[in-house]
Amino acid sequence: MVRIPTPLRSYTGGAAVVEADGTSLAELLDDLDRRHPGLRFRAIDEQGRLRQHMRIFVNREIERDLETPIGPGDDVALMQALSGGCDRALDRGGEGPPAPGAADQPRVTVTPM
């Protein structure tokens, strides 16, 4: 089973978890693309490398090598990296006042699946 991030679920008919087979991450991604056309291209570039903004977790450990072996019981999750601004106080190691308007902004905590 492979966990799919929300932005890529349009390729899986909205499914958050899908089936795929393979003995390596590369094979798994190829099978995902057979079952859900276009999904692999969102994770892998034209040179066959993992896109910079993508992360693959195998059993909660980040993997960048597509030749990483996987087995039937492994938990695989595709994730997209997020980017954006941060509180200026965090830039200074938590010292000083927060950035203007920061108190009005919600805090978000992201944990891997």
C-alpha atoms as a PDB file:
ATOM      1  CA  MET A   1       0.000   0.000   0.000  1.00  0.00           C
ATOM      2  CA  VAL A   2       1.153   3.509  -0.810  1.00  0.00           C
ATOM      3  CA  ARG A   3      -0.049   6.695   0.887  1.00  0.00           C
ATOM      4  CA  ILE A   4      -0.751   9.526  -1.551  1.00  0.00           C
ATOM      5  CA  PRO A   5      -0.582  13.243  -0.613  1.00  0.00           C
ATOM      6  CA  THR A   6      -3.723  15.316  -1.136  1.00  0.00           C
ATOM      7  CA  PRO A   7      -2.397  17.316  -4.141  1.00  0.00           C
ATOM      8  CA  LEU A   8      -1.784  14.069  -6.082  1.00  0.00           C
ATOM      9  CA  ARG A   9      -5.067  12.351  -5.283  1.00  0.00           C
ATOM     10  CA  SER A  10      -6.623  13.614  -8.517  1.00  0.00           C
ATOM     11  CA  TYR A  11      -4.527  10.871 -10.164  1.00  0.00           C
ATOM     12  CA  THR A  12      -5.933   8.196  -7.836  1.00  0.00           C
ATOM     13  CA  GLY A  13      -9.598   9.115  -8.059  1.00  0.00           C
ATOM     14  CA  GLY A  14      -9.352  10.750  -4.643  1.00  0.00           C
ATOM     15  CA  ALA A  15      -7.903   7.694  -2.893  1.00  0.00           C
ATOM     16  CA  ALA A  16      -5.497   8.463  -0.041  1.00  0.00           C
ATOM     17  CA  VAL A  17      -4.072   4.929  -0.061  1.00  0.00           C
ATOM     18  CA  VAL A  18      -3.561   2.821  -3.178  1.00  0.00           C
ATOM     19  CA  GLU A  19      -2.042  -0.530  -4.050  1.00  0.00           C
ATOM     20  CA  ALA A  20       1.186  -0.933  -6.006  1.00  0.00           C
ATOM     21  CA  ASP A  21       3.758  -3.684  -6.439  1.00  0.00           C
ATOM     22  CA  GLY A  22       7.520  -3.698  -6.822  1.00  0.00           C
ATOM     23  CA  THR A  23      10.734  -4.871  -5.203  1.00  0.00           C
ATOM     24  CA  SER A  24      12.281  -1.362  -5.296  1.00  0.00           C
ATOM     25  CA  LEU A  25      10.929   2.169  -5.118  1.00  0.00           C
ATOM     26  CA  ALA A  26      11.551   2.558  -8.871  1.00  0.00           C
ATOM     27  CA  GLU A  27       9.446  -0.531  -9.633  1.00  0.00           C
ATOM     28  CA  LEU A  28       6.764   0.618  -7.218  1.00  0.00           C
ATOM     29  CA  LEU A  29       6.561   4.018  -8.938  1.00  0.00           C
ATOM     30  CA  ASP A  30       6.377   2.343 -12.353  1.00  0.00           C
ATOM     31  CA  ASP A  31       3.485   0.191 -11.138  1.00  0.00           C
ATOM     32  CA  LEU A  32       1.773   3.235  -9.626  1.00  0.00           C
ATOM     33  CA  ASP A  33       1.991   4.910 -13.026  1.00  0.00           C
ATOM     34  CA  ARG A  34       0.476   1.878 -14.759  1.00  0.00           C
ATOM     35  CA  ARG A  35      -2.435   1.947 -12.327  1.00  0.00           C
ATOM     36  CA  HIS A  36      -2.688   5.757 -12.082  1.00  0.00           C
ATOM     37  CA  PRO A  37      -1.285   7.339 -15.277  1.00  0.00           C
ATOM     38  CA  GLY A  38       0.628  10.579 -14.760  1.00  0.00           C
ATOM     39  CA  LEU A  39       1.372  10.037 -11.071  1.00  0.00           C
ATOM     40  CA  ARG A  40       5.006   8.989 -11.574  1.00  0.00           C
ATOM     41  CA  PHE A  41       5.815  12.142 -13.556  1.00  0.00           C
ATOM     42  CA  ARG A  42       4.742  14.250 -10.575  1.00  0.00           C
ATOM     43  CA  ALA A  43       7.325  12.487  -8.398  1.00  0.00           C
ATOM     44  CA  ILE A  44      10.108  11.680 -10.891  1.00  0.00           C
ATOM     45  CA  ASP A  45      11.743  14.101 -13.354  1.00  0.00           C
ATOM     46  CA  GLU A  46      12.736  13.516 -16.990  1.00  0.00           C
ATOM     47  CA  GLN A  47      16.152  12.187 -15.890  1.00  0.00           C
ATOM     48  CA  GLY A  48      14.555   9.531 -13.693  1.00  0.00           C
ATOM     49  CA  ARG A  49      15.405  11.306 -10.422  1.00  0.00           C
ATOM     50  CA  LEU A  50      13.120  12.107  -7.526  1.00  0.00           C
ATOM     51  CA  ARG A  51      11.850  15.661  -7.928  1.00  0.00           C
ATOM     52  CA  GLN A  52      13.357  18.109  -5.463  1.00  0.00           C
ATOM     53  CA  HIS A  53      10.031  18.869  -3.764  1.00  0.00           C
ATOM     54  CA  MET A  54       9.055  15.216  -3.328  1.00  0.00           C
ATOM     55  CA  ARG A  55       9.845  12.947  -0.399  1.00  0.00           C
ATOM     56  CA  ILE A  56       9.335   9.209  -0.135  1.00  0.00           C
ATOM     57  CA  PHE A  57       9.126   7.567   3.249  1.00  0.00           C
ATOM     58  CA  VAL A  58       9.591   3.824   3.675  1.00  0.00           C
ATOM     59  CA  ASN A  59       8.595   2.635   7.143  1.00  0.00           C
ATOM     60  CA  ARG A  60       8.755   6.280   8.317  1.00  0.00           C
ATOM     61  CA  GLU A  61      12.352   6.717   7.090  1.00  0.00           C
ATOM     62  CA  ILE A  62      13.054   9.147   4.261  1.00  0.00           C
ATOM     63  CA  GLU A  63      14.507   7.546   1.122  1.00  0.00           C
ATOM     64  CA  ARG A  64      15.931   9.329  -1.930  1.00  0.00           C
ATOM     65  CA  ASP A  65      17.476   6.315  -3.669  1.00  0.00           C
ATOM     66  CA  LEU A  66      14.916   4.847  -6.056  1.00  0.00           C
ATOM     67  CA  GLU A  67      16.772   1.512  -6.003  1.00  0.00           C
ATOM     68  CA  THR A  68      15.928   1.106  -2.303  1.00  0.00           C
ATOM     69  CA  PRO A  69      14.507  -2.396  -1.895  1.00  0.00           C
ATOM     70  CA  ILE A  70      10.987  -2.714  -0.518  1.00  0.00           C
ATOM     71  CA  GLY A  71       8.918  -5.663   0.618  1.00  0.00           C
ATOM     72  CA  PRO A  72       5.235  -6.580   0.838  1.00  0.00           C
ATOM     73  CA  GLY A  73       4.827  -5.324   4.423  1.00  0.00           C
ATOM     74  CA  ASP A  74       6.615  -1.989   3.977  1.00  0.00           C
ATOM     75  CA  ASP A  75       4.720   1.250   4.574  1.00  0.00           C
ATOM     76  CA  VAL A  76       5.415   3.671   1.698  1.00  0.00           C
ATOM     77  CA  ALA A  77       4.265   7.294   1.720  1.00  0.00           C
ATOM     78  CA  LEU A  78       4.739   9.930  -0.959  1.00  0.00           C
ATOM     79  CA  MET A  79       4.936  13.457   0.411  1.00  0.00           C
ATOM     80  CA  GLN A  80       5.383  16.872  -1.141  1.00  0.00           C
ATOM     81  CA  ALA A  81       7.676  19.316   0.612  1.00  0.00           C
ATOM     82  CA  LEU A  82       6.091  22.590   1.649  1.00  0.00           C
ATOM     83  CA  SER A  83       7.807  25.932   1.584  1.00  0.00           C
ATOM     84  CA  GLY A  84       6.987  29.396   2.736  1.00  0.00           C
ATOM     85  CA  GLY A  85       7.768  32.073   5.264  1.00  0.00           C
ATOM     86  CA  CYS A  86       8.329  31.699   8.946  1.00  0.00           C
ATOM     87  CA  ASP A  87       8.083  33.771  12.085  1.00  0.00           C
ATOM     88  CA  ARG A  88      11.079  36.128  12.297  1.00  0.00           C
ATOM     89  CA  ALA A  89      11.514  35.173  15.940  1.00  0.00           C
ATOM     90  CA  LEU A  90      12.222  31.621  14.772  1.00  0.00           C
ATOM     91  CA  ASP A  91      14.883  32.985  12.410  1.00  0.00           C
ATOM     92  CA  ARG A  92      16.648  34.416  15.472  1.00  0.00           C
ATOM     93  CA  GLY A  93      16.481  31.195  17.466  1.00  0.00           C
ATOM     94  CA  GLY A  94      13.209  32.171  19.135  1.00  0.00           C
ATOM     95  CA  GLU A  95      14.537  35.438  20.562  1.00  0.00           C
ATOM     96  CA  GLY A  96      12.799  38.764  20.181  1.00  0.00           C
ATOM     97  CA  PRO A  97       9.277  39.756  19.317  1.00  0.00           C
ATOM     98  CA  PRO A  98       7.300  37.883  16.681  1.00  0.00           C
ATOM     99  CA  ALA A  99       7.015  39.267  13.175  1.00  0.00           C
ATOM    100  CA  PRO A 100       4.273  41.860  12.632  1.00  0.00           C
ATOM    101  CA  GLY A 101       0.927  40.106  12.269  1.00  0.00           C
ATOM    102  CA  ALA A 102       2.365  36.745  13.379  1.00  0.00           C
ATOM    103  CA  ALA A 103       0.072  36.629  16.407  1.00  0.00           C
ATOM    104  CA  ASP A 104      -2.898  36.687  14.024  1.00  0.00           C
ATOM    105  CA  GLN A 105      -1.588  33.752  11.969  1.00  0.00           C
ATOM    106  CA  PRO A 106      -2.412  30.141  12.817  1.00  0.00           C
ATOM    107  CA  ARG A 107       0.482  27.834  13.700  1.00  0.00           C
ATOM    108  CA  VAL A 108       0.813  24.668  11.667  1.00  0.00           C
ATOM    109  CA  THR A 109       2.615  21.526  12.770  1.00  0.00           C
ATOM    110  CA  VAL A 110       3.440  18.937  10.114  1.00  0.00           C
ATOM    111  CA  THR A 111       4.228  15.346  11.041  1.00  0.00           C
ATOM    112  CA  PRO A 112       5.046  12.570   8.577  1.00  0.00           C
ATOM    113  CA  MET A 113       2.380   9.907   8.024  1.00  0.00           C
END
